[in-house]
Every structure is written in C-alpha cells, then in structure tokens.
C-alpha cells in the first residue's frame, strides 16, 4: 500500500503498566503467552468497533477507530478484558488527521495520542478536547486533568480522564 492521506480519524494508544517487571517475574515463555492473549483481546475489541490495529508497540498498540465514541468503547472493553487476564493498561485518545505510510501511519495526531497516553495513570483513559468535542461536548464522563505540555508538541493541551457513566 502506498502513502496516502487517511483523513480525520481517532487514534488510540494503549500501554501495559509495569510490563517490564511483569515480564521479569514471569520469564520469557509465560510473558510471550500473556502478550499473545493481550494482543488477541485488543484486536477483538478494535475490530468489533470497526477499527484497525496499525501496529504493536511491544506491550501496547496503535489503532485507528472510525469515531471518538468507538475509541472510548474499545478502551473500556480492553481495560475490562485485560483485567480478567490480570493486566492493567493506560490509554490515550486523540482525533486528528493521519497519513498512511505503507503499513504504518504518521502525522501530528499520532504523536499527540502517544503523548496523551504517556500522561495517563494505571487504568486511565486520557483524551484531548478533540475527543470531547466529537462526542457531544463536556459531560460527567469527563474529568479535567488540567493543561499539559506534550513533549515535542506546540502549546498546552487540556486533557481529561474518561470514565463511562453507564
């Protein structure tokens, strides 16, 4: 596949919390089996909501979703299903323009989503204001976390933690 503009999409980053310590305690064979289950959980959740897993990051993934709402659903499902495996993750979601580069993606939106995830704590789903705007505006499901500088990204970004009210 050649380079092409994908357009405006929702970018989701996931990351397992304390994965290095977990890998060390389990050993390589058990860790690989756990990562295989992790990957299957994520792939099922992303595909269920019409998204695409772009690539693995070792202990997480980068995925594209067709909407902010679907990305939030995916993050909640992954969080729940990984907890059943004894795993905890953190999530970053941003809506923006993305370019396709072969099998990979690029664009500032990708960097922003990665930086947002890096600010999240264990079990947290952090989002930018673009996600809030795309889902109908502020509501009780979003708790402001304040303004952050995101490494390499100009300006300050307002981040919120998402928690379903359903």
C-alpha atoms as a PDB file:
ATOM      1  CA  UNK A   1       0.000   0.000   0.000  1.00  0.00           C
ATOM      2  CA  UNK A   2       1.439   3.398  -0.948  1.00  0.00           C
ATOM      3  CA  UNK A   3       1.413   6.604   1.008  1.00  0.00           C
ATOM      4  CA  UNK A   4      -1.983   8.279   1.238  1.00  0.00           C
ATOM      5  CA  UNK A   5      -3.907  10.601   3.458  1.00  0.00           C
ATOM      6  CA  UNK A   6      -6.324   8.667   5.638  1.00  0.00           C
ATOM      7  CA  UNK A   7      -8.002  11.847   6.848  1.00  0.00           C
ATOM      8  CA  UNK A   8      -9.536  12.636  10.203  1.00  0.00           C
ATOM      9  CA  UNK A   9      -9.718   9.565  12.425  1.00  0.00           C
ATOM     10  CA  UNK A  10      -9.463   8.681  16.082  1.00  0.00           C
ATOM     11  CA  UNK A  11      -6.057   7.450  17.214  1.00  0.00           C
ATOM     12  CA  UNK A  12      -5.864   5.121  20.208  1.00  0.00           C
ATOM     13  CA  UNK A  13      -2.650   4.203  22.003  1.00  0.00           C
ATOM     14  CA  UNK A  14      -2.535   1.507  24.675  1.00  0.00           C
ATOM     15  CA  UNK A  15       0.280   0.557  27.010  1.00  0.00           C
ATOM     16  CA  UNK A  16       0.584  -2.166  29.620  1.00  0.00           C
ATOM     17  CA  UNK A  17       1.508  -0.820  33.047  1.00  0.00           C
ATOM     18  CA  UNK A  18       4.601  -2.293  34.743  1.00  0.00           C
ATOM     19  CA  UNK A  19       5.201  -4.671  31.852  1.00  0.00           C
ATOM     20  CA  UNK A  20       8.965  -4.932  32.335  1.00  0.00           C
ATOM     21  CA  UNK A  21       8.647  -6.029  35.955  1.00  0.00           C
ATOM     22  CA  UNK A  22       5.881  -8.445  34.975  1.00  0.00           C
ATOM     23  CA  UNK A  23       7.994  -9.914  32.164  1.00  0.00           C
ATOM     24  CA  UNK A  24      10.922 -10.384  34.535  1.00  0.00           C
ATOM     25  CA  UNK A  25       8.783 -12.149  37.129  1.00  0.00           C
ATOM     26  CA  UNK A  26       7.105 -14.467  34.608  1.00  0.00           C
ATOM     27  CA  UNK A  27      10.018 -15.379  32.387  1.00  0.00           C
ATOM     28  CA  UNK A  28      10.095 -15.207  28.613  1.00  0.00           C
ATOM     29  CA  UNK A  29       7.793 -18.114  27.745  1.00  0.00           C
ATOM     30  CA  UNK A  30       4.971 -17.113  30.116  1.00  0.00           C
ATOM     31  CA  UNK A  31       5.357 -13.444  29.183  1.00  0.00           C
ATOM     32  CA  UNK A  32       5.061 -14.276  25.482  1.00  0.00           C
ATOM     33  CA  UNK A  33       1.873 -16.268  26.156  1.00  0.00           C
ATOM     34  CA  UNK A  34       0.450 -13.361  28.158  1.00  0.00           C
ATOM     35  CA  UNK A  35       1.338 -10.895  25.383  1.00  0.00           C
ATOM     36  CA  UNK A  36      -0.382 -13.176  22.859  1.00  0.00           C
ATOM     37  CA  UNK A  37      -3.572 -13.054  24.973  1.00  0.00           C
ATOM     38  CA  UNK A  38      -3.140  -9.265  25.311  1.00  0.00           C
ATOM     39  CA  UNK A  39      -2.862  -8.886  21.536  1.00  0.00           C
ATOM     40  CA  UNK A  40      -5.941 -11.064  20.963  1.00  0.00           C
ATOM     41  CA  UNK A  41      -8.008  -9.014  23.447  1.00  0.00           C
ATOM     42  CA  UNK A  42      -7.036  -5.768  21.767  1.00  0.00           C
ATOM     43  CA  UNK A  43      -7.518  -6.997  18.216  1.00  0.00           C
ATOM     44  CA  UNK A  44     -11.001  -8.348  19.045  1.00  0.00           C
ATOM     45  CA  UNK A  45     -12.081  -5.081  20.710  1.00  0.00           C
ATOM     46  CA  UNK A  46     -10.729  -2.876  17.918  1.00  0.00           C
ATOM     47  CA  UNK A  47     -12.198  -4.979  15.104  1.00  0.00           C
ATOM     48  CA  UNK A  48     -15.563  -5.229  16.902  1.00  0.00           C
ATOM     49  CA  UNK A  49     -15.863  -1.432  16.683  1.00  0.00           C
ATOM     50  CA  UNK A  50     -14.762  -1.197  13.050  1.00  0.00           C
ATOM     51  CA  UNK A  51     -11.191  -0.158  13.749  1.00  0.00           C
ATOM     52  CA  UNK A  52      -7.770  -1.283  12.628  1.00  0.00           C
ATOM     53  CA  UNK A  53      -4.750  -2.204  14.709  1.00  0.00           C
ATOM     54  CA  UNK A  54      -1.926  -0.394  12.921  1.00  0.00           C
ATOM     55  CA  UNK A  55       0.927  -1.935  14.884  1.00  0.00           C
ATOM     56  CA  UNK A  56       2.065  -3.326  18.165  1.00  0.00           C
ATOM     57  CA  UNK A  57       4.459  -1.407  20.366  1.00  0.00           C
ATOM     58  CA  UNK A  58       5.741  -4.421  22.299  1.00  0.00           C
ATOM     59  CA  UNK A  59       3.417  -4.000  25.256  1.00  0.00           C
ATOM     60  CA  UNK A  60       0.660  -1.965  23.623  1.00  0.00           C
ATOM     61  CA  UNK A  61      -0.823  -0.986  20.295  1.00  0.00           C
ATOM     62  CA  UNK A  62      -1.609   1.893  17.996  1.00  0.00           C
ATOM     63  CA  UNK A  63      -5.090   1.630  16.498  1.00  0.00           C
ATOM     64  CA  UNK A  64      -7.340   3.738  14.274  1.00  0.00           C
ATOM     65  CA  UNK A  65     -11.045   3.944  15.015  1.00  0.00           C
ATOM     66  CA  UNK A  66     -13.807   5.461  12.895  1.00  0.00           C
ATOM     67  CA  UNK A  67     -15.076   7.687  15.728  1.00  0.00           C
ATOM     68  CA  UNK A  68     -14.202   9.010  19.152  1.00  0.00           C
ATOM     69  CA  UNK A  69     -17.158   7.140  20.655  1.00  0.00           C
ATOM     70  CA  UNK A  70     -15.938   3.850  19.229  1.00  0.00           C
ATOM     71  CA  UNK A  71     -12.427   4.502  20.572  1.00  0.00           C
ATOM     72  CA  UNK A  72     -13.831   5.091  24.054  1.00  0.00           C
ATOM     73  CA  UNK A  73     -15.831   1.850  23.830  1.00  0.00           C
ATOM     74  CA  UNK A  74     -12.730  -0.022  22.688  1.00  0.00           C
ATOM     75  CA  UNK A  75     -10.603   1.380  25.531  1.00  0.00           C
ATOM     76  CA  UNK A  76     -13.230   0.409  28.110  1.00  0.00           C
ATOM     77  CA  UNK A  77     -13.557  -3.090  26.684  1.00  0.00           C
ATOM     78  CA  UNK A  78      -9.784  -3.580  26.552  1.00  0.00           C
ATOM     79  CA  UNK A  79      -9.400  -2.332  30.122  1.00  0.00           C
ATOM     80  CA  UNK A  80     -12.104  -4.739  31.340  1.00  0.00           C
ATOM     81  CA  UNK A  81     -10.863  -7.745  29.338  1.00  0.00           C
ATOM     82  CA  UNK A  82      -7.200  -7.233  30.249  1.00  0.00           C
ATOM     83  CA  UNK A  83      -8.161  -7.017  33.936  1.00  0.00           C
ATOM     84  CA  UNK A  84      -9.570 -10.536  33.567  1.00  0.00           C
ATOM     85  CA  UNK A  85      -6.047 -11.565  32.477  1.00  0.00           C
ATOM     86  CA  UNK A  86      -4.543  -9.797  35.495  1.00  0.00           C
ATOM     87  CA  UNK A  87      -3.186  -6.965  33.336  1.00  0.00           C
ATOM     88  CA  UNK A  88      -3.528  -3.209  33.700  1.00  0.00           C
ATOM     89  CA  UNK A  89      -3.169  -0.693  30.902  1.00  0.00           C
ATOM     90  CA  UNK A  90      -3.369   3.013  30.223  1.00  0.00           C
ATOM     91  CA  UNK A  91      -4.859   4.693  27.171  1.00  0.00           C
ATOM     92  CA  UNK A  92      -4.529   7.882  25.125  1.00  0.00           C
ATOM     93  CA  UNK A  93      -7.075   9.024  22.539  1.00  0.00           C
ATOM     94  CA  UNK A  94      -6.981  11.940  20.108  1.00  0.00           C
ATOM     95  CA  UNK A  95      -8.963  12.882  16.997  1.00  0.00           C
ATOM     96  CA  UNK A  96      -6.968  14.324  14.125  1.00  0.00           C
ATOM     97  CA  UNK A  97      -5.600  13.930  10.617  1.00  0.00           C
ATOM     98  CA  UNK A  98      -3.407  10.940   9.859  1.00  0.00           C
ATOM     99  CA  UNK A  99      -1.371   9.911   6.836  1.00  0.00           C
ATOM    100  CA  UNK A 100      -0.779   6.312   5.811  1.00  0.00           C
ATOM    101  CA  UNK A 101       2.866   5.373   5.162  1.00  0.00           C
ATOM    102  CA  UNK A 102       2.892   1.844   3.827  1.00  0.00           C
ATOM    103  CA  UNK A 103       1.621  -0.278   6.719  1.00  0.00           C
ATOM    104  CA  UNK A 104       2.255   2.495   9.245  1.00  0.00           C
ATOM    105  CA  UNK A 105       0.738   5.909   9.986  1.00  0.00           C
ATOM    106  CA  UNK A 106       2.166   9.344  10.618  1.00  0.00           C
ATOM    107  CA  UNK A 107       1.057  12.839  11.434  1.00  0.00           C
ATOM    108  CA  UNK A 108       0.953  15.078  14.466  1.00  0.00           C
ATOM    109  CA  UNK A 109      -2.267  13.388  15.644  1.00  0.00           C
ATOM    110  CA  UNK A 110      -0.311  10.154  16.140  1.00  0.00           C
ATOM    111  CA  UNK A 111       2.309  11.918  18.267  1.00  0.00           C
ATOM    112  CA  UNK A 112      -0.363  13.692  20.299  1.00  0.00           C
ATOM    113  CA  UNK A 113      -2.214  10.451  21.092  1.00  0.00           C
ATOM    114  CA  UNK A 114       1.067   8.839  22.193  1.00  0.00           C
ATOM    115  CA  UNK A 115       1.919  11.783  24.463  1.00  0.00           C
ATOM    116  CA  UNK A 116      -1.609  11.800  25.930  1.00  0.00           C
ATOM    117  CA  UNK A 117      -1.274   8.115  26.802  1.00  0.00           C
ATOM    118  CA  UNK A 118       2.072   8.813  28.476  1.00  0.00           C
ATOM    119  CA  UNK A 119       0.311  11.190  30.891  1.00  0.00           C
ATOM    120  CA  UNK A 120      -2.322   8.600  31.887  1.00  0.00           C
ATOM    121  CA  UNK A 121      -2.024   6.549  35.042  1.00  0.00           C
ATOM    122  CA  UNK A 122      -2.852   2.906  35.628  1.00  0.00           C
ATOM    123  CA  UNK A 123      -6.292   2.118  34.202  1.00  0.00           C
ATOM    124  CA  UNK A 124      -6.815   5.679  32.966  1.00  0.00           C
ATOM    125  CA  UNK A 125      -8.305   6.631  29.613  1.00  0.00           C
ATOM    126  CA  UNK A 126      -6.992  10.119  28.831  1.00  0.00           C
ATOM    127  CA  UNK A 127      -8.432  12.168  25.995  1.00  0.00           C
ATOM    128  CA  UNK A 128      -7.910  15.532  24.344  1.00  0.00           C
ATOM    129  CA  UNK A 129     -10.602  18.143  23.828  1.00  0.00           C
ATOM    130  CA  UNK A 130     -10.989  16.875  20.250  1.00  0.00           C
ATOM    131  CA  UNK A 131     -12.463  13.659  21.660  1.00  0.00           C
ATOM    132  CA  UNK A 132     -14.824  15.558  23.945  1.00  0.00           C
ATOM    133  CA  UNK A 133     -15.994  17.771  21.066  1.00  0.00           C
ATOM    134  CA  UNK A 134     -16.500  14.729  18.830  1.00  0.00           C
ATOM    135  CA  UNK A 135     -18.706  13.032  21.421  1.00  0.00           C
ATOM    136  CA  UNK A 136     -21.043  15.946  22.020  1.00  0.00           C
ATOM    137  CA  UNK A 137     -19.170  18.126  24.442  1.00  0.00           C
ATOM    138  CA  UNK A 138     -18.319  18.080  28.136  1.00  0.00           C
ATOM    139  CA  UNK A 139     -20.291  15.854  30.448  1.00  0.00           C
ATOM    140  CA  UNK A 140     -19.994  13.933  33.699  1.00  0.00           C
ATOM    141  CA  UNK A 141     -17.968  11.190  31.989  1.00  0.00           C
ATOM    142  CA  UNK A 142     -15.029  13.597  31.516  1.00  0.00           C
ATOM    143  CA  UNK A 143     -12.927  14.788  34.443  1.00  0.00           C
ATOM    144  CA  UNK A 144     -10.494  17.572  33.583  1.00  0.00           C
ATOM    145  CA  UNK A 145      -6.883  16.782  34.419  1.00  0.00           C
ATOM    146  CA  UNK A 146      -5.631  20.256  33.551  1.00  0.00           C
ATOM    147  CA  UNK A 147      -3.284  21.656  30.922  1.00  0.00           C
ATOM    148  CA  UNK A 148      -0.162  19.770  29.938  1.00  0.00           C
ATOM    149  CA  UNK A 149       2.811  20.337  27.719  1.00  0.00           C
ATOM    150  CA  UNK A 150       3.170  17.323  25.459  1.00  0.00           C
ATOM    151  CA  UNK A 151       6.773  16.512  24.547  1.00  0.00           C
ATOM    152  CA  UNK A 152       7.542  17.873  21.072  1.00  0.00           C
ATOM    153  CA  UNK A 153       4.025  19.223  20.518  1.00  0.00           C
ATOM    154  CA  UNK A 154       3.495  23.005  20.485  1.00  0.00           C
ATOM    155  CA  UNK A 155       1.343  24.673  23.144  1.00  0.00           C
ATOM    156  CA  UNK A 156      -0.531  23.372  26.138  1.00  0.00           C
ATOM    157  CA  UNK A 157      -3.167  20.671  25.826  1.00  0.00           C
ATOM    158  CA  UNK A 158      -6.196  20.222  28.043  1.00  0.00           C
ATOM    159  CA  UNK A 159      -6.515  16.584  28.985  1.00  0.00           C
ATOM    160  CA  UNK A 160      -9.423  14.814  30.595  1.00  0.00           C
ATOM    161  CA  UNK A 161      -9.900  11.383  32.118  1.00  0.00           C
ATOM    162  CA  UNK A 162     -12.827   9.467  30.678  1.00  0.00           C
ATOM    163  CA  UNK A 163     -14.996   7.186  32.788  1.00  0.00           C
ATOM    164  CA  UNK A 164     -18.248   5.803  31.477  1.00  0.00           C
ATOM    165  CA  UNK A 165     -21.340   6.925  33.340  1.00  0.00           C
ATOM    166  CA  UNK A 166     -23.343   3.933  32.091  1.00  0.00           C
END
